Structures are given as C-alpha cells and as structure tokens.
Amino acid sequence: MTDTVLDRFLRYVVIDTQSDPDSPTQPSTEKQKNLGRLLVDELLTIGLTDAHLDEHGYVYATIPANTDKDVPVVCFCAHMDTAPDFSGNGVQPKLHRNYAGGDIPLGNSGRVIRTSEHPELANQIGNDIVTTDGTTLLGADDKAGIAEIITAAELLLNDPSIRHGTIRLLFTTDEEIGRGVDKVDLEKLGARFAYTLDGETAGTIEDETFSADALTLEITGVAMHPGFSKDRMENAIKIASAIIARLPREVSPEGTEGRDGFVHPTEISGSMEAATIKMIVRDFTESGLAEKHAMVRDIAEAVLADYPDSRFSITTHEQYRNMKQVLDQHPEIVDYAVEAIRRAGMTPVRGSIRGGTDGSRLSFMGLPCPNIFAGGHAFHSPLEWISRQDMEKAVATIVELARIWEERT
C-alpha cells in the first residue's frame, strides 16, 4: 500500500539528525546518514534506480523523463538536518485530528501553541495537525520537504499521464549550520534550475533572502593582577561587553521585521587579556550590509577610545547572498511556481525570507533556486507544527511544477 506524505513525515521526524556547528566534518554528525540511508532504501523501493548516498551524506536520485520534449532538468531539494537551537533527540510527534480551533497544549511540558501567537491556526480548522510533545523540536524543517518530494516522486512515477522532463532529487546535510551545499556535486546533479521545499505557510513562493555575513571581533586587552591594576588593567571582557551594550535595538533581530536588516551577537568568550565576539550581519541589500559592518566598527572604535592600550580586529566571512540577484535573470522559474501553486488550489503569495536556504547558495553556484513552502510553522522550537493538508498541497505543487515545465518547453 502506498505511503502517504503523513506516513513518511512521521517516520522521518523520529530519526535524530541534528547538525553540529562545532564539528569540522561533512556531515557534521554521522547520525544524519541514518536518515539518508533510509531515504535511499525508500527511493529504490519506489523505482528510482540510481538513488544513492555519497560520502558527504547527500542523497541523489533521478526521476526519468516520460516525454520526447527537451525539457530543462529541474531539481527538487530539501535538507535532512534539524537545527541545533533545540533538542531533536527523542522526537514524539502528536497527531491532532480534525483540529477544532483554540490553543494546543503540548503534553505535560507546560508549553502551549497559542492561537494569539500563531494566527495561521485560524486557517487550519478541520485539518490534521502534527506537533511535538513539547520537549523537542518537530523537524518539519525540513523533513516535511523531504516527505513531500518523495511522495510527489512516487506519484509522477506511477502516473504516466503526467508528462514531465528529467527531475533530480537532492537531500542535503548541514543546511542549518550554513554548510548545506558545500560539497554538492553540481556536475553529477546535472540540473539547470531547482526549487527548495523549505518554506512555511502554504501558498508561498520566496525569491528573495537576506544577504548574510559572519563577523568575528577579536579584542586584546591588558591583563594585570587585580590587586595592582589601578589605571593599568584594560579588561577585554568589559570591553567586549561595552561593545555589545552599544548595539542599537532597532538594528537587532528583536527590534526589526519585514525588510529591515540586523546585527546579532551570537557568542562572547574570553578572559581579561583577550575576548572574542561572534556576530551575524543580515540585510536584503549590499549597501545595507556594508552600513551594518561600518556601524560595528564605529562602535568598537568608540569603545576602544577609552582603552588606549587595547586594540581590536574584525574579520568577516561571506555566508550567502540575496538569491533575487540571480532569480531576476530567470523570471520563468518563479512564474512557473506561482502557476503551480494556483493550480494546486491556493492563492500564490510571493515573499522574502528573513534568513537563507540552500537555494541562496545554489543560486550563486550556478543553479537558480527559489524556495517553495513546505507547510511548517515555528521552526527551531518545541512549538513547531504542521498540517497534513498543507503537506498534501506541497505535493500537488511539485507535481504541477513538473507538468508546467513540460508544457511550456
């Protein structure tokens, strides 16, 4: 009997696949391969004969074309890892059938998914909602995307009346720690265009992301025995704290929304002699990104003016860039997705992501790749939830996309 998208999703989320930003390996955790091996077995079972897991933990597979047209090869992509932000070990998904409205208590955890904080619940009356028990994240980000892609793949294989070109499937590791496509073999993938299934609300297509940098600020102070340090000690920890304290709230994640960028300190460590601040910098424009880098430098210089024998240095690392710069050169990619969403029975909504996806990196690697909804909400938290019906809408969207690419070639 054919598995439903819900069957697959419930099977995948109980496999712990958290990535580890402190690990230098790819994948960062070997347990991600546990899901990868399961996916390969399932893909082989439904008839994708070239499905395999590579040494980096990526899963590749191909749905062969069933048309004589020279349709561009399209890839559907999702990531296997879950975020390090909250525990993904021992996930116990809970199915709430025929949701009648109201807040959703999460077992005995004391946590509650409140309608006041999750307005999208108002559109889920009568649907079947999956949550956690409140002690872990769920993993809809992005195991929902994986379940949707594989379910759509089986539908395309079993229904020859749906004409389509060659379709590649790619399931990546370590997306949540910014390394999702570091080792992807684009030549082997052989796709011209791609779509990530890694968005939230049903009906959304996202063709714009933040541009993102990582920033490391190193401070060298003056260490001194505290008993003999009057007018001589320059404590690097205090210097670092003063810099963070001067970061304005209106340029922080908690003080911004929409198209506003931010500077976000993620880690501080050190001693009297030396301290390190790690930050991430986000903006939709290159000029906005540059302004925020300059703001951090100006703040550091102002603070260090009070510490004449101390110094600082700043290094930056480019993480990803706004994929709209690439996608605007290929408008048909997004146009086809908008039409597929409409055919699947929804009103398409084009949006921007206050973050990034594998699609950001892939786009600048030569594989233009917008992001389609997977249906989940409250990612990276124990309040994460998704509905069966929205996952089914994502499956229908993938199928329609495959059909549209063939029709319009």
Protein backbone atom coordinates (compact mmCIF):
# COMPACT_ATOMS: atom_id res chain seq x y z
CA MET A 1 0.00 0.00 0.00
CA THR A 2 1.41 3.40 -0.98
CA ASP A 3 2.65 5.54 1.90
CA THR A 4 1.04 8.95 2.32
CA VAL A 5 3.04 12.11 2.85
CA LEU A 6 1.96 11.98 6.50
CA ASP A 7 3.19 8.39 6.86
CA ARG A 8 6.59 9.39 5.57
CA PHE A 9 6.80 12.53 7.65
CA LEU A 10 6.00 10.71 10.90
CA ARG A 11 8.64 8.11 10.05
CA TYR A 12 11.36 10.66 9.32
CA VAL A 13 10.93 13.01 12.28
CA VAL A 14 11.74 10.36 14.89
CA ILE A 15 15.27 10.00 13.45
CA ASP A 16 17.64 12.39 15.20
CA THR A 17 19.53 14.38 12.55
CA GLN A 18 20.69 17.50 14.39
CA SER A 19 23.74 19.13 12.87
CA ASP A 20 26.67 20.43 14.94
CA PRO A 21 28.24 23.83 14.16
CA ASP A 22 31.35 22.94 16.18
CA SER A 23 32.14 19.85 14.12
CA PRO A 24 34.59 20.28 11.21
CA THR A 25 33.31 17.25 9.27
CA GLN A 26 30.74 16.99 6.48
CA PRO A 27 28.23 15.87 7.50
CA SER A 28 28.82 17.45 10.89
CA THR A 29 27.08 14.49 12.58
CA GLU A 30 27.16 10.92 11.32
CA LYS A 31 23.57 10.37 12.51
CA GLN A 32 22.33 12.43 9.54
CA LYS A 33 23.36 9.49 7.38
CA ASN A 34 20.86 7.29 9.25
CA LEU A 35 18.05 9.21 7.60
CA GLY A 36 19.95 9.31 4.32
CA ARG A 37 20.22 5.51 4.20
CA LEU A 38 16.50 5.16 4.92
CA LEU A 39 15.67 7.61 2.13
CA VAL A 40 17.83 5.74 -0.36
CA ASP A 41 16.02 2.49 0.51
CA GLU A 42 12.64 4.14 0.01
CA LEU A 43 13.66 5.78 -3.26
CA LEU A 44 14.92 2.46 -4.61
CA THR A 45 11.69 0.81 -3.50
CA ILE A 46 9.50 3.26 -5.43
CA GLY A 47 11.64 2.76 -8.55
CA LEU A 48 14.39 5.39 -8.60
CA THR A 49 17.18 3.00 -9.55
CA ASP A 50 20.10 5.44 -9.25
CA ALA A 51 19.31 6.59 -5.68
CA HIS A 52 22.46 6.68 -3.55
CA LEU A 53 24.12 8.24 -0.52
CA ASP A 54 27.52 9.84 -1.07
CA GLU A 55 30.41 10.21 1.36
CA HIS A 56 29.20 13.66 2.46
CA GLY A 57 25.77 12.35 3.43
CA TYR A 58 23.93 13.77 0.40
CA VAL A 59 21.20 11.72 -1.26
CA TYR A 60 20.87 11.91 -5.05
CA ALA A 61 18.18 10.33 -7.25
CA THR A 62 16.57 10.76 -10.68
CA ILE A 63 13.01 10.60 -11.95
CA PRO A 64 13.43 9.74 -15.65
CA ALA A 65 11.65 11.86 -18.26
CA ASN A 66 8.49 10.44 -19.86
CA THR A 67 8.32 12.97 -22.70
CA ASP A 68 10.14 13.45 -26.01
CA LYS A 69 10.46 17.18 -25.42
CA ASP A 70 13.86 18.61 -24.44
CA VAL A 71 12.68 19.83 -21.03
CA PRO A 72 15.28 21.53 -18.81
CA VAL A 73 16.38 19.28 -15.94
CA VAL A 74 14.81 20.55 -12.72
CA CYS A 75 15.89 19.61 -9.19
CA PHE A 76 13.80 19.47 -6.02
CA CYS A 77 15.86 19.87 -2.87
CA ALA A 78 15.32 19.60 0.90
CA HIS A 79 17.65 19.21 3.87
CA MET A 80 17.86 16.32 6.31
CA ASP A 81 19.38 18.02 9.36
CA THR A 82 17.49 19.77 12.12
CA ALA A 83 18.66 22.90 13.92
CA PRO A 84 20.99 22.86 16.93
CA ASP A 85 18.77 25.53 18.53
CA PHE A 86 16.60 22.99 20.38
CA SER A 87 16.78 19.27 21.08
CA GLY A 88 15.90 16.93 18.23
CA ASN A 89 16.55 13.74 20.19
CA GLY A 90 13.61 11.50 21.04
CA VAL A 91 11.00 13.34 18.97
CA GLN A 92 7.49 12.10 19.78
CA PRO A 93 5.12 13.55 17.17
CA LYS A 94 1.50 14.03 18.20
CA LEU A 95 -1.33 13.98 15.64
CA HIS A 96 -4.32 16.21 16.43
CA ARG A 97 -7.04 15.08 14.03
CA ASN A 98 -9.82 17.41 12.89
CA TYR A 99 -8.48 20.47 14.70
CA ALA A 100 -11.44 22.34 16.17
CA GLY A 101 -9.65 25.58 16.94
CA GLY A 102 -8.16 27.01 20.13
CA ASP A 103 -4.82 26.68 21.84
CA ILE A 104 -2.95 23.36 21.62
CA PRO A 105 -1.34 22.13 24.89
CA LEU A 106 1.78 20.06 24.29
CA GLY A 107 1.51 17.07 26.61
CA ASN A 108 2.82 17.60 30.14
CA SER A 109 5.55 20.00 29.07
CA GLY A 110 3.65 23.13 30.11
CA ARG A 111 4.14 24.55 26.64
CA VAL A 112 1.16 25.67 24.58
CA ILE A 113 0.77 26.62 20.92
CA ARG A 114 -1.41 29.69 21.31
CA THR A 115 -3.68 31.00 18.58
CA SER A 116 -2.73 34.54 19.58
CA GLU A 117 0.87 33.79 18.62
CA HIS A 118 0.12 31.51 15.65
CA PRO A 119 -2.60 33.25 13.59
CA GLU A 120 -2.22 30.72 10.76
CA LEU A 121 -4.04 28.22 13.00
CA ALA A 122 -7.24 30.03 12.08
CA ASN A 123 -6.86 28.57 8.57
CA GLN A 124 -6.44 25.02 9.87
CA ILE A 125 -9.92 24.29 11.26
CA GLY A 126 -10.83 20.69 10.39
CA ASN A 127 -7.26 19.81 9.41
CA ASP A 128 -4.98 17.21 10.99
CA ILE A 129 -2.14 18.95 12.81
CA VAL A 130 1.15 17.40 13.88
CA THR A 131 3.01 18.82 16.90
CA THR A 132 5.66 17.66 19.33
CA ASP A 133 5.06 16.69 22.94
CA GLY A 134 6.72 19.97 23.90
CA THR A 135 10.12 18.55 24.81
CA THR A 136 11.79 18.65 21.38
CA LEU A 137 11.50 20.39 18.08
CA LEU A 138 9.44 18.57 15.46
CA GLY A 139 11.70 18.60 12.43
CA ALA A 140 9.16 19.81 9.87
CA ASP A 141 12.13 22.00 8.93
CA ASP A 142 12.85 20.25 6.67
CA LYS A 143 11.64 16.66 6.89
CA ALA A 144 8.29 17.89 5.63
CA GLY A 145 10.03 18.96 2.43
CA ILE A 146 11.65 15.54 2.08
CA ALA A 147 8.35 13.69 2.62
CA GLU A 148 6.63 15.94 0.08
CA ILE A 149 9.29 15.47 -2.60
CA ILE A 150 9.37 11.67 -2.25
CA THR A 151 5.57 11.44 -2.25
CA ALA A 152 5.42 13.58 -5.40
CA ALA A 153 8.16 11.44 -6.98
CA GLU A 154 6.09 8.30 -6.47
CA LEU A 155 3.03 9.98 -7.96
CA LEU A 156 4.98 11.03 -11.05
CA LEU A 157 6.41 7.54 -11.48
CA ASN A 158 3.02 5.86 -11.16
CA ASP A 159 1.00 8.18 -13.41
CA PRO A 160 2.37 8.32 -16.98
CA SER A 161 -0.38 10.74 -17.95
CA ILE A 162 1.58 13.47 -16.12
CA ARG A 163 4.20 14.38 -18.71
CA HIS A 164 7.49 15.68 -17.34
CA GLY A 165 11.15 16.02 -18.11
CA THR A 166 14.05 14.56 -16.15
CA ILE A 167 13.82 15.51 -12.49
CA ARG A 168 16.67 15.30 -9.99
CA LEU A 169 16.18 14.91 -6.26
CA LEU A 170 18.74 16.20 -3.76
CA PHE A 171 18.63 15.85 0.01
CA THR A 172 21.40 17.75 1.79
CA THR A 173 23.08 17.73 5.18
CA ASP A 174 24.08 20.61 7.47
CA GLU A 175 21.81 23.30 5.99
CA GLU A 176 21.00 24.58 9.46
CA ILE A 177 24.66 25.42 10.13
CA GLY A 178 25.25 27.08 6.76
CA ARG A 179 27.11 24.23 5.04
CA GLY A 180 24.21 22.61 3.23
CA VAL A 181 25.63 22.71 -0.28
CA ASP A 182 29.36 22.94 0.42
CA LYS A 183 30.04 19.53 -1.12
CA VAL A 184 27.22 19.23 -3.66
CA ASP A 185 28.43 17.85 -6.98
CA LEU A 186 26.60 20.09 -9.44
CA GLU A 187 28.04 18.28 -12.44
CA LYS A 188 26.65 14.99 -11.18
CA LEU A 189 23.35 16.66 -10.32
CA GLY A 190 23.08 17.94 -13.87
CA ALA A 191 20.16 20.30 -13.25
CA ARG A 192 19.59 23.71 -14.87
CA PHE A 193 17.09 25.01 -12.32
CA ALA A 194 16.00 23.96 -8.82
CA TYR A 195 13.46 24.51 -6.06
CA THR A 196 13.99 24.07 -2.33
CA LEU A 197 10.97 22.86 -0.35
CA ASP A 198 11.88 24.69 2.85
CA GLY A 199 9.33 27.45 3.37
CA GLU A 200 6.46 27.89 5.80
CA THR A 201 2.87 28.92 5.03
CA ALA A 202 1.05 27.05 2.26
CA GLY A 203 0.93 29.01 -0.97
CA THR A 204 4.14 30.98 -0.52
CA ILE A 205 6.97 31.18 -3.04
CA GLU A 206 10.06 33.05 -1.89
CA ASP A 207 12.51 34.51 -4.37
CA GLU A 208 14.45 36.78 -2.05
CA THR A 209 16.60 36.17 1.01
CA PHE A 210 18.86 38.16 3.26
CA SER A 211 22.45 38.65 2.25
CA ALA A 212 24.45 37.29 5.17
CA ASP A 213 27.90 37.62 6.69
CA ALA A 214 29.52 36.24 9.81
CA LEU A 215 31.61 38.74 11.75
CA THR A 216 34.27 37.98 14.37
CA LEU A 217 35.60 40.76 16.55
CA GLU A 218 38.83 40.00 18.43
CA ILE A 219 39.76 42.23 21.37
CA THR A 220 43.18 42.34 23.01
CA GLY A 221 43.17 43.98 26.43
CA VAL A 222 45.75 44.48 29.15
CA ALA A 223 45.80 41.76 31.80
CA MET A 224 47.04 42.65 35.26
CA HIS A 225 46.92 41.26 38.79
CA PRO A 226 43.69 42.75 40.16
CA GLY A 227 45.45 43.77 43.37
CA PHE A 228 47.88 46.03 41.49
CA SER A 229 45.88 47.10 38.48
CA LYS A 230 44.71 50.65 39.19
CA ASP A 231 44.80 52.68 35.98
CA ARG A 232 46.66 49.84 34.26
CA MET A 233 44.22 46.93 33.65
CA GLU A 234 42.09 47.04 30.48
CA ASN A 235 39.75 44.09 30.84
CA ALA A 236 38.92 42.61 27.44
CA ILE A 237 35.70 41.07 28.80
CA LYS A 238 34.46 44.51 29.85
CA ILE A 239 35.45 45.98 26.51
CA ALA A 240 33.51 43.28 24.68
CA SER A 241 30.51 43.81 26.94
CA ALA A 242 30.56 47.56 26.30
CA ILE A 243 30.58 46.99 22.54
CA ILE A 244 27.59 44.64 22.74
CA ALA A 245 25.74 47.04 25.05
CA ARG A 246 26.01 49.80 22.43
CA LEU A 247 24.43 47.76 19.63
CA PRO A 248 21.11 49.55 19.00
CA ARG A 249 17.88 47.64 19.49
CA GLU A 250 16.47 49.00 16.25
CA VAL A 251 19.20 47.07 14.39
CA SER A 252 18.65 43.80 16.28
CA PRO A 253 16.52 40.73 15.46
CA GLU A 254 14.16 41.57 18.29
CA GLY A 255 13.76 45.14 17.04
CA THR A 256 13.25 44.52 13.32
CA GLU A 257 10.82 42.92 10.90
CA GLY A 258 9.93 42.88 7.23
CA ARG A 259 12.80 44.16 5.11
CA ASP A 260 14.85 45.53 8.00
CA GLY A 261 18.28 44.00 8.46
CA PHE A 262 20.10 43.45 11.75
CA VAL A 263 23.32 42.79 13.64
CA HIS A 264 23.07 39.87 16.05
CA PRO A 265 25.75 38.82 18.58
CA THR A 266 25.70 35.03 18.83
CA GLU A 267 28.64 34.28 21.12
CA ILE A 268 31.03 36.02 23.51
CA SER A 269 34.05 34.38 25.12
CA GLY A 270 37.40 35.30 26.58
CA SER A 271 39.45 36.46 29.52
CA MET A 272 40.92 39.71 30.82
CA GLU A 273 43.62 39.57 28.17
CA ALA A 274 41.60 38.64 25.11
CA ALA A 275 37.94 38.32 24.19
CA THR A 276 36.01 37.32 21.09
CA ILE A 277 32.57 38.40 19.92
CA LYS A 278 30.88 36.46 17.12
CA MET A 279 28.04 38.14 15.26
CA ILE A 280 25.90 37.62 12.22
CA VAL A 281 25.00 40.52 9.94
CA ARG A 282 21.91 40.45 7.72
CA ASP A 283 20.35 42.76 5.14
CA PHE A 284 18.46 42.48 1.86
CA THR A 285 20.84 44.89 0.09
CA GLU A 286 24.62 45.03 -0.24
CA SER A 287 24.61 48.69 0.81
CA GLY A 288 22.63 47.85 3.95
CA LEU A 289 25.05 45.07 4.77
CA ALA A 290 28.00 47.44 4.38
CA GLU A 291 26.33 50.03 6.63
CA LYS A 292 25.95 47.47 9.40
CA HIS A 293 29.57 46.39 9.15
CA ALA A 294 30.58 50.05 9.41
CA MET A 295 28.31 50.52 12.43
CA VAL A 296 30.01 47.67 14.31
CA ARG A 297 33.45 49.10 13.51
CA ASP A 298 32.40 52.59 14.61
CA ILE A 299 31.06 51.25 17.90
CA ALA A 300 34.25 49.28 18.54
CA GLU A 301 36.43 52.29 17.81
CA ALA A 302 34.35 54.49 20.12
CA VAL A 303 34.58 51.98 22.97
CA LEU A 304 38.30 51.37 22.48
CA ALA A 305 38.93 55.12 22.69
CA ASP A 306 38.56 54.71 26.45
CA TYR A 307 41.15 51.89 26.49
CA PRO A 308 44.32 53.38 24.93
CA ASP A 309 46.50 50.28 25.31
CA SER A 310 43.96 47.81 23.92
CA ARG A 311 43.16 47.01 20.30
CA PHE A 312 40.66 45.13 18.18
CA SER A 313 40.41 43.46 14.79
CA ILE A 314 37.41 42.41 12.72
CA THR A 315 37.23 39.56 10.23
CA THR A 316 34.22 38.76 8.08
CA HIS A 317 33.10 35.64 6.28
CA GLU A 318 30.52 35.71 3.50
CA GLN A 319 27.75 33.20 4.25
CA TYR A 320 25.27 33.72 1.41
CA ARG A 321 23.79 36.43 -0.79
CA ASN A 322 20.28 37.51 -1.75
CA MET A 323 19.18 34.97 -4.36
CA LYS A 324 16.92 37.56 -6.03
CA GLN A 325 20.02 38.90 -7.82
CA VAL A 326 20.16 35.61 -9.73
CA LEU A 327 16.48 34.72 -9.95
CA ASP A 328 15.54 38.02 -11.57
CA GLN A 329 17.60 36.86 -14.57
CA HIS A 330 15.34 33.79 -14.93
CA PRO A 331 11.79 35.02 -14.20
CA GLU A 332 10.16 31.87 -15.60
CA ILE A 333 11.38 29.82 -12.63
CA VAL A 334 9.26 31.79 -10.18
CA ASP A 335 6.44 32.35 -12.68
CA TYR A 336 6.04 28.58 -13.12
CA ALA A 337 5.98 28.09 -9.34
CA VAL A 338 3.29 30.75 -8.97
CA GLU A 339 1.19 28.97 -11.60
CA ALA A 340 1.77 25.57 -9.96
CA ILE A 341 0.58 26.90 -6.60
CA ARG A 342 -2.52 28.33 -8.28
CA ARG A 343 -3.25 25.01 -9.99
CA ALA A 344 -2.88 23.25 -6.66
CA GLY A 345 -5.79 25.31 -5.35
CA MET A 346 -4.10 28.12 -3.46
CA THR A 347 -3.62 31.85 -3.87
CA PRO A 348 0.11 32.32 -4.55
CA VAL A 349 1.98 34.70 -2.26
CA ARG A 350 5.45 35.90 -3.24
CA GLY A 351 7.62 36.77 -0.31
CA SER A 352 11.05 37.33 1.15
CA ILE A 353 12.85 35.18 3.69
CA ARG A 354 14.36 36.79 6.77
CA GLY A 355 17.08 34.18 6.55
CA GLY A 356 18.50 31.94 3.88
CA THR A 357 18.15 28.48 2.41
CA ASP A 358 20.26 26.08 0.40
CA GLY A 359 18.70 27.88 -2.55
CA SER A 360 20.63 31.06 -1.71
CA ARG A 361 23.97 29.32 -2.11
CA LEU A 362 22.88 27.15 -5.04
CA SER A 363 21.72 30.21 -6.96
CA PHE A 364 25.18 31.77 -6.78
CA MET A 365 26.81 28.44 -7.59
CA GLY A 366 25.03 28.49 -10.95
CA LEU A 367 21.80 26.67 -10.09
CA PRO A 368 18.99 29.28 -9.77
CA CYS A 369 16.79 28.08 -6.91
CA PRO A 370 13.80 29.81 -5.26
CA ASN A 371 12.09 28.44 -2.17
CA ILE A 372 8.61 26.87 -2.04
CA PHE A 373 6.51 26.34 1.07
CA ALA A 374 6.72 23.04 2.94
CA GLY A 375 3.92 23.98 5.35
CA GLY A 376 5.64 24.05 8.73
CA HIS A 377 5.47 26.76 11.38
CA ALA A 378 7.51 27.86 14.43
CA PHE A 379 10.69 26.26 13.14
CA HIS A 380 13.59 25.52 15.52
CA SER A 381 11.35 25.38 18.57
CA PRO A 382 9.22 22.96 20.62
CA LEU A 383 6.15 24.84 19.33
CA GLU A 384 6.76 23.65 15.77
CA TRP A 385 3.68 22.37 13.94
CA ILE A 386 2.40 21.40 10.51
CA SER A 387 -0.84 20.11 9.00
CA ARG A 388 -1.32 17.06 6.81
CA GLN A 389 -3.41 19.05 4.37
CA ASP A 390 -0.67 21.65 3.82
CA MET A 391 1.86 18.91 3.15
CA GLU A 392 -0.52 17.46 0.58
CA LYS A 393 -0.77 20.90 -1.06
CA ALA A 394 3.02 20.97 -1.34
CA VAL A 395 2.96 17.54 -3.02
CA ALA A 396 0.38 18.80 -5.51
CA THR A 397 2.52 21.89 -6.18
CA ILE A 398 5.57 19.76 -7.04
CA VAL A 399 3.52 17.62 -9.41
CA GLU A 400 2.07 20.68 -11.14
CA LEU A 401 5.51 22.22 -11.45
CA ALA A 402 6.81 19.12 -13.21
CA ARG A 403 3.82 19.29 -15.57
CA ILE A 404 4.24 23.02 -16.28
CA TRP A 405 7.92 22.73 -17.21
CA GLU A 406 6.99 20.07 -19.77
CA GLU A 407 4.02 22.01 -21.11
CA ARG A 408 5.94 25.23 -21.64
CA THR A 409 9.04 23.76 -23.25
